[in-house]
């Protein structure tokens, strides 16, 4: 028997060990034949239902792993079987319109999976030689984003904000626009999501008729940290299949990348590692890089990622927010103040930024307009204190014009969403970049100076303001023209 045949024969015999200690989700296992490599999956329990991932080799006989499932019923001396490989995710045409957990099991109560392959979730990022050097703008159909914060095709954009400012609503609107108006695939990855949110998203996408081009994968809030930590890698494995094998553009939506960092922090603490600043894991930068660097634009296709980032206590100096910022080509900051004023999407254009707003990428006209809009909004922000103390009448006539332009721009850059139609009663609008730029340019030229601000609120193209204003009673229009400059209402 040759050495190769002997090795093959030895691998056919299952590699088994036994549990020597259980401390919550941390399990130590002793192997006598062969020590499993790092990231190997081990199965134990009465029905092999407990799954453990090896994260450390303690010595020549012992490994330490984190359970990815609840450990109820696990005891010392129980038999453990080495699966012989790492965690795998399903890929292929058969995964479309389905909902998965981290192990690739379907959780949508539909028919069993067919026509799929299984691939390891631990893949290297694409080499630099295969990456595309061409920079393209990814159009979303959302005015404020396309004009001031253009996204990069194959880039990473972050939605930063505290709880309840509209991160998930913005993500679901982008899914709707991507599937309806781009020939692409959307993959939604819920990390630490509430099961209510997952069920609602599945139902809404089904009603909207866009589920056939979507894949959803969830690591729910009540699952162990090991499971939540790996769900992002599983989603990326699926996205890489569509990019590299089917040469399709993929929109990868991650909600929430902070929960990925938080799961890593829990795993690190359970493994006994010394925490770094504010209790985060010492390997925070490495773990985030291993996930983010796989999101790339290659010569075969692109994975464009939009990630919701919960900011603890709205503190943007928190290490989780700081490390995430460094990977992004666009940072979209959601403001609680704008949300309270009814300006949706509640994006703060002065705190947000995009690396794409340069004349060489978006064009001279777009760049010039974006800079003028920012300048107008910044001047209004500086004048707000004077208006609050002394009133609008104390400003110079030029400053009053700036305030009027800024307030009309703020209202024009609001937009009714398709995914919120049932709550607002307003029909969703998808606005092209050219239409958005044209509207902003005409407002800056004071073409709508005689129109009440409310006429520009929650519309699509700027010409809708004429129709909206024409439908209002004349008395209301006169009152609003007199009062709109001193009120904070939309």
Protein backbone atom coordinates (compact mmCIF):
# COMPACT_ATOMS: atom_id res chain seq x y z
CA UNK A 1 0.00 0.00 0.00
CA UNK A 2 1.43 3.41 -1.02
CA UNK A 3 1.78 6.31 1.43
CA UNK A 4 -1.05 8.17 -0.35
CA UNK A 5 -3.37 5.14 -0.14
CA UNK A 6 -2.49 4.62 3.52
CA UNK A 7 -3.27 8.28 4.26
CA UNK A 8 -6.57 8.04 2.39
CA UNK A 9 -7.43 4.84 4.28
CA UNK A 10 -6.60 6.48 7.63
CA UNK A 11 -8.80 9.48 6.78
CA UNK A 12 -11.77 7.15 6.15
CA UNK A 13 -11.66 6.16 9.84
CA UNK A 14 -13.54 8.87 11.81
CA UNK A 15 -11.29 10.96 14.05
CA UNK A 16 -12.97 10.95 17.46
CA UNK A 17 -12.23 12.50 20.83
CA UNK A 18 -13.97 13.11 24.14
CA UNK A 19 -15.12 16.19 26.03
CA UNK A 20 -12.89 17.01 29.00
CA UNK A 21 -14.49 20.29 30.15
CA UNK A 22 -17.50 22.49 29.40
CA UNK A 23 -17.63 26.12 30.54
CA UNK A 24 -20.68 27.73 28.93
CA UNK A 25 -19.95 27.85 25.20
CA UNK A 26 -16.26 26.95 25.66
CA UNK A 27 -15.52 23.24 25.27
CA UNK A 28 -12.15 21.46 25.66
CA UNK A 29 -11.78 18.15 23.80
CA UNK A 30 -9.08 15.47 23.95
CA UNK A 31 -8.03 13.63 20.75
CA UNK A 32 -5.66 10.66 20.81
CA UNK A 33 -5.26 9.90 17.06
CA UNK A 34 -5.03 13.24 15.26
CA UNK A 35 -5.47 16.84 16.36
CA UNK A 36 -8.09 18.70 14.23
CA UNK A 37 -6.84 21.90 12.52
CA UNK A 38 -8.05 25.37 13.56
CA UNK A 39 -11.60 26.17 12.25
CA UNK A 40 -12.51 22.45 12.05
CA UNK A 41 -16.12 21.63 12.90
CA UNK A 42 -16.73 19.00 15.58
CA UNK A 43 -20.07 17.31 16.29
CA UNK A 44 -21.26 15.87 19.56
CA UNK A 45 -24.42 15.26 21.59
CA UNK A 46 -26.93 12.43 21.53
CA UNK A 47 -28.07 13.29 17.98
CA UNK A 48 -24.86 15.04 16.88
CA UNK A 49 -26.81 18.27 17.25
CA UNK A 50 -24.11 20.24 19.12
CA UNK A 51 -21.59 21.84 16.72
CA UNK A 52 -18.24 23.16 17.95
CA UNK A 53 -15.64 25.17 16.00
CA UNK A 54 -11.99 24.65 16.96
CA UNK A 55 -10.30 27.97 17.78
CA UNK A 56 -7.15 26.88 19.66
CA UNK A 57 -4.84 23.86 19.95
CA UNK A 58 -3.84 23.76 23.61
CA UNK A 59 -1.21 21.01 23.35
CA UNK A 60 -0.50 17.82 21.37
CA UNK A 61 -3.73 16.19 22.58
CA UNK A 62 -6.21 18.95 23.44
CA UNK A 63 -8.17 21.55 21.46
CA UNK A 64 -10.46 24.34 22.65
CA UNK A 65 -13.55 25.31 20.69
CA UNK A 66 -16.59 27.53 20.82
CA UNK A 67 -20.02 25.93 20.54
CA UNK A 68 -22.07 27.37 17.67
CA UNK A 69 -25.26 25.83 19.06
CA UNK A 70 -26.66 25.69 22.63
CA UNK A 71 -24.70 23.26 24.84
CA UNK A 72 -27.57 21.92 26.97
CA UNK A 73 -27.01 18.24 27.70
CA UNK A 74 -23.26 18.31 26.96
CA UNK A 75 -21.19 16.47 29.60
CA UNK A 76 -17.61 15.37 30.21
CA UNK A 77 -16.67 12.08 28.59
CA UNK A 78 -19.08 12.51 25.66
CA UNK A 79 -17.84 11.29 22.28
CA UNK A 80 -16.89 14.03 19.78
CA UNK A 81 -16.52 13.43 16.04
CA UNK A 82 -14.27 15.52 13.79
CA UNK A 83 -16.15 16.48 10.58
CA UNK A 84 -12.81 16.73 8.75
CA UNK A 85 -13.31 20.30 7.52
CA UNK A 86 -14.44 23.85 8.37
CA UNK A 87 -17.93 25.36 8.25
CA UNK A 88 -19.43 25.24 4.73
CA UNK A 89 -22.10 27.39 3.07
CA UNK A 90 -24.39 26.42 0.16
CA UNK A 91 -23.80 28.15 -3.19
CA UNK A 92 -25.51 27.84 -6.58
CA UNK A 93 -28.71 28.82 -8.35
CA UNK A 94 -30.75 26.79 -5.86
CA UNK A 95 -30.15 29.25 -3.01
CA UNK A 96 -32.07 32.12 -4.70
CA UNK A 97 -35.22 33.31 -2.89
CA UNK A 98 -34.31 31.26 0.20
CA UNK A 99 -33.59 32.08 3.84
CA UNK A 100 -30.73 30.34 5.70
CA UNK A 101 -29.08 30.04 9.07
CA UNK A 102 -25.30 30.02 9.56
CA UNK A 103 -25.05 26.26 8.86
CA UNK A 104 -26.80 26.53 5.48
CA UNK A 105 -30.08 25.05 6.79
CA UNK A 106 -33.19 26.60 5.23
CA UNK A 107 -35.42 28.37 7.77
CA UNK A 108 -38.26 29.49 5.46
CA UNK A 109 -40.33 26.24 5.66
CA UNK A 110 -40.06 25.76 1.89
CA UNK A 111 -38.97 22.67 -0.11
CA UNK A 112 -35.52 21.12 0.58
CA UNK A 113 -32.48 22.56 -1.24
CA UNK A 114 -31.56 21.23 -4.68
CA UNK A 115 -28.88 22.16 -7.21
CA UNK A 116 -26.34 23.50 -4.68
CA UNK A 117 -22.66 23.00 -3.92
CA UNK A 118 -21.00 23.50 -0.53
CA UNK A 119 -17.95 25.72 -0.04
CA UNK A 120 -15.80 26.61 2.96
CA UNK A 121 -16.66 29.98 4.52
CA UNK A 122 -12.94 30.68 5.06
CA UNK A 123 -11.77 32.07 1.71
CA UNK A 124 -8.83 34.41 0.99
CA UNK A 125 -9.57 37.88 -0.45
CA UNK A 126 -9.06 38.24 -4.23
CA UNK A 127 -5.41 39.02 -5.13
CA UNK A 128 -4.51 42.54 -6.27
CA UNK A 129 -3.82 41.27 -9.80
CA UNK A 130 -7.49 40.30 -10.18
CA UNK A 131 -8.96 43.48 -8.75
CA UNK A 132 -10.47 46.04 -11.11
CA UNK A 133 -8.84 49.48 -11.14
CA UNK A 134 -11.81 51.09 -12.86
CA UNK A 135 -13.90 53.32 -10.60
CA UNK A 136 -17.64 53.50 -11.27
CA UNK A 137 -20.53 55.14 -9.44
CA UNK A 138 -23.28 52.86 -8.11
CA UNK A 139 -26.60 54.66 -8.57
CA UNK A 140 -29.20 54.01 -5.84
CA UNK A 141 -32.16 56.17 -6.96
CA UNK A 142 -32.06 58.01 -3.60
CA UNK A 143 -31.48 61.74 -4.24
CA UNK A 144 -29.43 62.67 -1.19
CA UNK A 145 -27.06 59.71 -1.58
CA UNK A 146 -26.58 59.99 -5.36
CA UNK A 147 -25.95 63.77 -5.30
CA UNK A 148 -23.83 64.27 -2.16
CA UNK A 149 -22.56 60.80 -1.19
CA UNK A 150 -22.22 58.70 -4.37
CA UNK A 151 -21.49 55.03 -3.70
CA UNK A 152 -18.74 53.06 -5.45
CA UNK A 153 -19.51 49.97 -7.51
CA UNK A 154 -17.56 47.25 -5.71
CA UNK A 155 -17.03 49.54 -2.72
CA UNK A 156 -18.18 49.55 0.87
CA UNK A 157 -20.58 52.09 2.34
CA UNK A 158 -21.47 52.38 6.01
CA UNK A 159 -24.75 53.60 7.49
CA UNK A 160 -23.79 55.02 10.88
CA UNK A 161 -26.38 55.84 13.50
CA UNK A 162 -27.85 55.04 16.88
CA UNK A 163 -31.06 53.11 17.49
CA UNK A 164 -34.24 54.13 15.66
CA UNK A 165 -32.90 56.60 13.07
CA UNK A 166 -33.76 54.54 9.98
CA UNK A 167 -30.75 52.33 9.12
CA UNK A 168 -32.83 49.22 8.33
CA UNK A 169 -35.45 51.21 6.34
CA UNK A 170 -32.67 52.68 4.16
CA UNK A 171 -31.18 49.21 3.62
CA UNK A 172 -34.51 47.68 2.57
CA UNK A 173 -35.13 50.58 0.15
CA UNK A 174 -31.76 49.93 -1.47
CA UNK A 175 -32.65 46.23 -1.86
CA UNK A 176 -35.88 47.23 -3.60
CA UNK A 177 -34.10 49.65 -5.96
CA UNK A 178 -31.22 47.25 -6.70
CA UNK A 179 -33.43 44.32 -7.66
CA UNK A 180 -36.03 46.36 -9.50
CA UNK A 181 -33.64 48.44 -11.59
CA UNK A 182 -30.28 46.62 -11.73
CA UNK A 183 -29.67 43.14 -13.12
CA UNK A 184 -28.10 41.97 -9.91
CA UNK A 185 -28.42 39.73 -6.88
CA UNK A 186 -29.07 41.03 -3.38
CA UNK A 187 -27.82 39.14 -0.34
CA UNK A 188 -29.10 40.27 3.05
CA UNK A 189 -27.00 39.21 6.02
CA UNK A 190 -28.60 39.75 9.42
CA UNK A 191 -26.03 39.60 12.23
CA UNK A 192 -27.59 39.67 15.69
CA UNK A 193 -30.99 40.53 14.21
CA UNK A 194 -34.30 40.16 15.99
CA UNK A 195 -36.32 37.31 14.46
CA UNK A 196 -39.24 39.76 14.06
CA UNK A 197 -37.13 41.89 11.66
CA UNK A 198 -36.14 38.85 9.58
CA UNK A 199 -39.74 37.67 9.24
CA UNK A 200 -40.93 41.18 8.30
CA UNK A 201 -38.20 41.57 5.66
CA UNK A 202 -39.03 38.19 4.10
CA UNK A 203 -42.73 39.04 3.94
CA UNK A 204 -42.15 42.55 2.52
CA UNK A 205 -39.75 41.33 -0.18
CA UNK A 206 -42.24 38.60 -1.14
CA UNK A 207 -45.07 41.14 -1.42
CA UNK A 208 -42.88 43.47 -3.48
CA UNK A 209 -42.15 40.59 -5.90
CA UNK A 210 -38.37 40.88 -5.57
CA UNK A 211 -37.67 37.76 -3.47
CA UNK A 212 -36.67 35.72 -6.55
CA UNK A 213 -33.39 37.71 -6.85
CA UNK A 214 -32.59 37.69 -3.14
CA UNK A 215 -30.84 35.47 -0.63
CA UNK A 216 -31.19 35.99 3.12
CA UNK A 217 -28.99 34.59 5.86
CA UNK A 218 -29.48 35.25 9.57
CA UNK A 219 -27.55 34.77 12.78
CA UNK A 220 -30.23 35.76 15.25
CA UNK A 221 -29.82 37.68 18.47
CA UNK A 222 -30.66 34.64 20.65
CA UNK A 223 -28.02 32.41 19.04
CA UNK A 224 -24.58 31.79 20.62
CA UNK A 225 -21.76 34.25 19.76
CA UNK A 226 -19.90 31.64 17.69
CA UNK A 227 -22.86 31.40 15.32
CA UNK A 228 -23.30 35.19 15.01
CA UNK A 229 -19.56 35.60 14.40
CA UNK A 230 -19.53 33.27 11.37
CA UNK A 231 -22.74 34.33 9.60
CA UNK A 232 -20.96 37.23 7.84
CA UNK A 233 -18.35 34.84 6.38
CA UNK A 234 -21.12 32.52 5.14
CA UNK A 235 -22.90 35.43 3.40
CA UNK A 236 -19.64 36.50 1.72
CA UNK A 237 -19.05 32.95 0.43
CA UNK A 238 -22.47 33.10 -1.28
CA UNK A 239 -21.71 36.57 -2.69
CA UNK A 240 -18.33 35.41 -4.04
CA UNK A 241 -20.03 32.58 -5.94
CA UNK A 242 -22.31 35.00 -7.82
CA UNK A 243 -19.40 37.37 -8.52
CA UNK A 244 -16.76 34.82 -9.59
CA UNK A 245 -18.79 31.93 -11.07
CA UNK A 246 -21.84 33.71 -12.54
CA UNK A 247 -20.13 37.10 -13.23
CA UNK A 248 -23.01 39.03 -11.73
CA UNK A 249 -23.03 42.19 -9.66
CA UNK A 250 -23.95 41.55 -6.05
CA UNK A 251 -25.39 43.95 -3.49
CA UNK A 252 -24.41 42.67 -0.04
CA UNK A 253 -26.34 44.27 2.80
CA UNK A 254 -25.08 43.65 6.32
CA UNK A 255 -27.24 44.59 9.27
CA UNK A 256 -25.43 45.12 11.61
CA UNK A 257 -21.61 45.11 11.39
CA UNK A 258 -21.37 46.24 15.03
CA UNK A 259 -23.04 42.94 16.05
CA UNK A 260 -20.26 41.09 14.20
CA UNK A 261 -17.66 43.00 16.24
CA UNK A 262 -19.70 42.39 19.39
CA UNK A 263 -19.88 38.62 18.69
CA UNK A 264 -16.09 38.59 18.19
CA UNK A 265 -15.71 40.39 21.51
CA UNK A 266 -17.83 37.73 23.25
CA UNK A 267 -15.86 34.89 21.62
CA UNK A 268 -12.56 36.55 22.60
CA UNK A 269 -13.72 36.94 26.21
CA UNK A 270 -14.88 33.32 26.38
CA UNK A 271 -11.51 32.16 25.03
CA UNK A 272 -9.78 34.02 27.87
CA UNK A 273 -8.02 36.70 25.81
CA UNK A 274 -7.08 39.93 27.58
CA UNK A 275 -9.46 42.71 26.38
CA UNK A 276 -8.11 45.93 24.87
CA UNK A 277 -9.59 49.44 25.00
CA UNK A 278 -13.25 49.67 26.17
CA UNK A 279 -13.44 45.87 26.50
CA UNK A 280 -13.03 45.09 22.77
CA UNK A 281 -11.05 42.07 21.62
CA UNK A 282 -7.31 42.60 20.91
CA UNK A 283 -7.83 41.08 17.42
CA UNK A 284 -10.62 43.52 16.43
CA UNK A 285 -8.71 45.07 13.50
CA UNK A 286 -7.63 41.69 12.08
CA UNK A 287 -11.08 40.09 12.32
CA UNK A 288 -12.77 43.04 10.66
CA UNK A 289 -10.13 43.15 7.88
CA UNK A 290 -10.54 39.43 7.12
CA UNK A 291 -14.24 40.06 6.48
CA UNK A 292 -14.06 43.45 4.73
CA UNK A 293 -11.15 42.69 2.35
CA UNK A 294 -13.17 39.93 0.65
CA UNK A 295 -15.66 42.59 -0.54
CA UNK A 296 -14.07 43.76 -3.78
CA UNK A 297 -14.53 44.73 -7.42
CA UNK A 298 -12.75 42.19 -9.68
CA UNK A 299 -12.42 41.64 -13.43
CA UNK A 300 -15.39 39.19 -13.24
CA UNK A 301 -17.94 41.17 -11.25
CA UNK A 302 -18.40 43.31 -8.17
CA UNK A 303 -19.65 42.92 -4.63
CA UNK A 304 -21.01 46.29 -3.49
CA UNK A 305 -21.59 46.30 0.23
CA UNK A 306 -23.80 48.56 2.31
CA UNK A 307 -23.38 48.00 6.02
CA UNK A 308 -25.45 49.33 8.88
CA UNK A 309 -23.17 50.29 11.78
CA UNK A 310 -24.76 50.80 15.18
CA UNK A 311 -22.82 53.52 17.01
CA UNK A 312 -22.91 52.90 20.80
CA UNK A 313 -24.35 55.97 22.58
CA UNK A 314 -23.86 57.97 19.31
CA UNK A 315 -20.11 58.07 20.13
CA UNK A 316 -18.17 58.12 16.85
CA UNK A 317 -14.83 57.74 18.70
CA UNK A 318 -15.83 54.21 19.81
CA UNK A 319 -13.22 51.68 18.53
CA UNK A 320 -15.93 49.71 16.63
CA UNK A 321 -16.91 52.82 14.62
CA UNK A 322 -13.29 53.98 14.14
CA UNK A 323 -12.09 50.60 12.77
CA UNK A 324 -15.12 50.32 10.47
CA UNK A 325 -14.58 53.86 9.07
CA UNK A 326 -11.12 52.88 7.77
CA UNK A 327 -12.57 50.26 5.36
CA UNK A 328 -15.28 52.38 3.76
CA UNK A 329 -15.42 54.37 0.53
CA UNK A 330 -18.56 56.21 1.74
CA UNK A 331 -19.73 57.00 5.27
CA UNK A 332 -23.42 57.86 5.60
CA UNK A 333 -24.19 59.33 9.03
CA UNK A 334 -27.82 59.25 10.15
CA UNK A 335 -28.89 62.08 12.42
CA UNK A 336 -31.42 61.83 15.22
CA UNK A 337 -32.03 65.60 14.95
CA UNK A 338 -33.00 65.37 11.27
CA UNK A 339 -35.24 62.38 12.01
CA UNK A 340 -37.04 64.41 14.70
CA UNK A 341 -37.62 67.19 12.11
CA UNK A 342 -39.20 64.67 9.71
CA UNK A 343 -36.41 64.99 7.12
CA UNK A 344 -36.19 61.41 5.79
CA UNK A 345 -33.84 59.83 4.85
CA UNK A 346 -32.37 61.31 8.04
CA UNK A 347 -28.84 61.62 6.61
CA UNK A 348 -26.62 64.43 7.90
CA UNK A 349 -24.92 65.66 4.69
CA UNK A 350 -22.25 67.66 6.54
CA UNK A 351 -21.04 64.74 8.70
CA UNK A 352 -21.27 62.20 5.87
CA UNK A 353 -18.59 61.81 3.19
CA UNK A 354 -17.72 59.86 0.06
CA UNK A 355 -14.37 59.33 -1.65
CA UNK A 356 -16.18 59.36 -5.01
CA UNK A 357 -16.98 63.11 -4.99
CA UNK A 358 -14.03 64.19 -7.13
CA UNK A 359 -14.24 65.84 -10.59
CA UNK A 360 -12.40 62.92 -12.19
CA UNK A 361 -15.01 60.37 -11.09
CA UNK A 362 -18.42 62.09 -10.97
CA UNK A 363 -17.72 64.84 -13.51
CA UNK A 364 -17.14 68.58 -13.21
CA UNK A 365 -20.82 69.62 -13.07
CA UNK A 366 -21.79 67.09 -10.40
CA UNK A 367 -18.74 67.96 -8.28
CA UNK A 368 -19.39 71.72 -8.53
CA UNK A 369 -23.06 71.30 -7.59
CA UNK A 370 -22.28 68.99 -4.64
CA UNK A 371 -19.75 71.52 -3.28
CA UNK A 372 -22.23 74.40 -3.66
CA UNK A 373 -24.98 72.42 -1.87
CA UNK A 374 -22.62 71.57 1.00
CA UNK A 375 -21.49 75.20 1.24
CA UNK A 376 -25.10 76.45 1.34
CA UNK A 377 -26.09 73.91 4.03
CA UNK A 378 -22.96 74.70 6.08
CA UNK A 379 -23.70 78.45 5.98
CA UNK A 380 -27.27 77.77 7.15
CA UNK A 381 -25.93 75.65 10.01
CA UNK A 382 -23.70 78.56 11.13
CA UNK A 383 -26.59 81.05 10.93
CA UNK A 384 -28.99 78.90 13.01
CA UNK A 385 -27.70 80.27 16.33
CA UNK A 386 -28.16 83.88 15.18
CA UNK A 387 -31.69 83.09 13.93
CA UNK A 388 -32.55 81.42 17.27
CA UNK A 389 -31.33 84.43 19.31
CA UNK A 390 -32.18 87.46 17.14
CA UNK A 391 -34.63 86.19 14.53
CA UNK A 392 -34.47 85.95 10.75
CA UNK A 393 -35.11 89.69 10.31
CA UNK A 394 -31.67 90.58 11.71
CA UNK A 395 -29.85 88.79 8.89
CA UNK A 396 -28.63 90.56 5.78
CA UNK A 397 -30.69 90.07 2.61
CA UNK A 398 -27.95 87.81 1.17
CA UNK A 399 -27.95 85.62 4.28
CA UNK A 400 -31.76 85.37 4.16
CA UNK A 401 -31.48 84.08 0.59
CA UNK A 402 -28.92 81.47 1.71
CA UNK A 403 -31.28 80.30 4.49
CA UNK A 404 -34.21 80.05 2.06
CA UNK A 405 -32.12 78.04 -0.46
CA UNK A 406 -30.78 75.72 2.25
CA UNK A 407 -34.24 75.02 3.67
CA UNK A 408 -35.65 74.30 0.21
CA UNK A 409 -32.68 72.03 -0.58
CA UNK A 410 -33.19 70.13 2.69
CA UNK A 411 -36.82 69.50 1.81
CA UNK A 412 -36.13 68.61 -1.82
CA UNK A 413 -33.56 66.02 -0.70
CA UNK A 414 -36.24 64.15 1.27
CA UNK A 415 -37.89 61.29 -0.58
CA UNK A 416 -40.83 58.91 -0.13
CA UNK A 417 -39.68 55.27 -0.06
CA UNK A 418 -41.34 52.22 -1.64
CA UNK A 419 -40.78 50.21 1.53
CA UNK A 420 -42.63 52.75 3.74
CA UNK A 421 -45.71 53.29 1.53
CA UNK A 422 -47.99 51.43 3.96
CA UNK A 423 -46.96 53.74 6.84
CA UNK A 424 -46.78 57.12 5.07
CA UNK A 425 -49.45 56.74 2.40
CA UNK A 426 -47.01 58.32 -0.08
CA UNK A 427 -46.06 56.48 -3.28
CA UNK A 428 -42.35 55.61 -3.41
CA UNK A 429 -40.13 57.52 -5.85
CA UNK A 430 -37.01 56.38 -7.69
CA UNK A 431 -35.12 59.45 -8.96
CA UNK A 432 -32.31 59.33 -11.53
CA UNK A 433 -29.05 61.16 -10.82
CA UNK A 434 -29.59 63.60 -13.71
CA UNK A 435 -33.07 64.53 -12.43
CA UNK A 436 -31.71 65.05 -8.89
CA UNK A 437 -28.85 67.27 -10.10
CA UNK A 438 -31.22 69.30 -12.27
CA UNK A 439 -33.56 69.89 -9.31
CA UNK A 440 -30.73 71.02 -6.99
CA UNK A 441 -29.34 73.35 -9.66
CA UNK A 442 -32.71 75.03 -10.21
CA UNK A 443 -33.25 75.51 -6.45
CA UNK A 444 -29.78 77.09 -6.11
CA UNK A 445 -30.71 79.48 -8.96
CA UNK A 446 -33.77 80.56 -6.88
CA UNK A 447 -36.23 79.26 -9.46
CA UNK A 448 -38.51 78.06 -6.63
CA UNK A 449 -38.01 81.05 -4.31
CA UNK A 450 -41.73 81.94 -4.57
CA UNK A 451 -42.87 78.42 -3.70
CA UNK A 452 -43.59 77.38 -0.09
CA UNK A 453 -41.03 74.98 1.35
CA UNK A 454 -43.72 72.35 1.89
CA UNK A 455 -44.20 72.06 -1.89
CA UNK A 456 -40.67 70.61 -2.17
CA UNK A 457 -41.09 68.16 0.74
CA UNK A 458 -41.33 64.41 -0.06
CA UNK A 459 -41.39 64.69 -3.85
CA UNK A 460 -39.38 62.98 -6.62
CA UNK A 461 -38.45 65.29 -9.53
CA UNK A 462 -38.45 69.01 -8.74
CA UNK A 463 -41.26 69.74 -11.23
CA UNK A 464 -43.65 67.84 -8.93
CA UNK A 465 -43.47 70.91 -6.67
CA UNK A 466 -45.44 72.93 -9.25
CA UNK A 467 -48.23 70.35 -9.33
CA UNK A 468 -48.21 70.01 -5.53
CA UNK A 469 -48.40 73.78 -5.12
CA UNK A 470 -51.17 74.12 -7.72
CA UNK A 471 -53.32 71.62 -5.80
CA UNK A 472 -53.13 73.59 -2.53
CA UNK A 473 -55.78 76.18 -1.55
CA UNK A 474 -54.60 79.73 -2.31
CA UNK A 475 -55.05 80.94 1.29
CA UNK A 476 -52.85 78.14 2.66
CA UNK A 477 -50.13 78.98 0.13
CA UNK A 478 -50.05 82.67 1.19
CA UNK A 479 -49.88 81.78 4.90
CA UNK A 480 -47.09 79.24 4.32
CA UNK A 481 -45.06 81.68 2.20
CA UNK A 482 -45.11 84.14 5.12
CA UNK A 483 -44.37 81.61 7.86
CA UNK A 484 -42.17 78.93 6.27
CA UNK A 485 -38.90 80.84 6.80
CA UNK A 486 -39.32 80.94 10.58
CA UNK A 487 -40.69 77.49 11.30
CA UNK A 488 -38.71 74.31 11.84
CA UNK A 489 -41.45 72.07 10.45
CA UNK A 490 -40.99 70.34 7.06
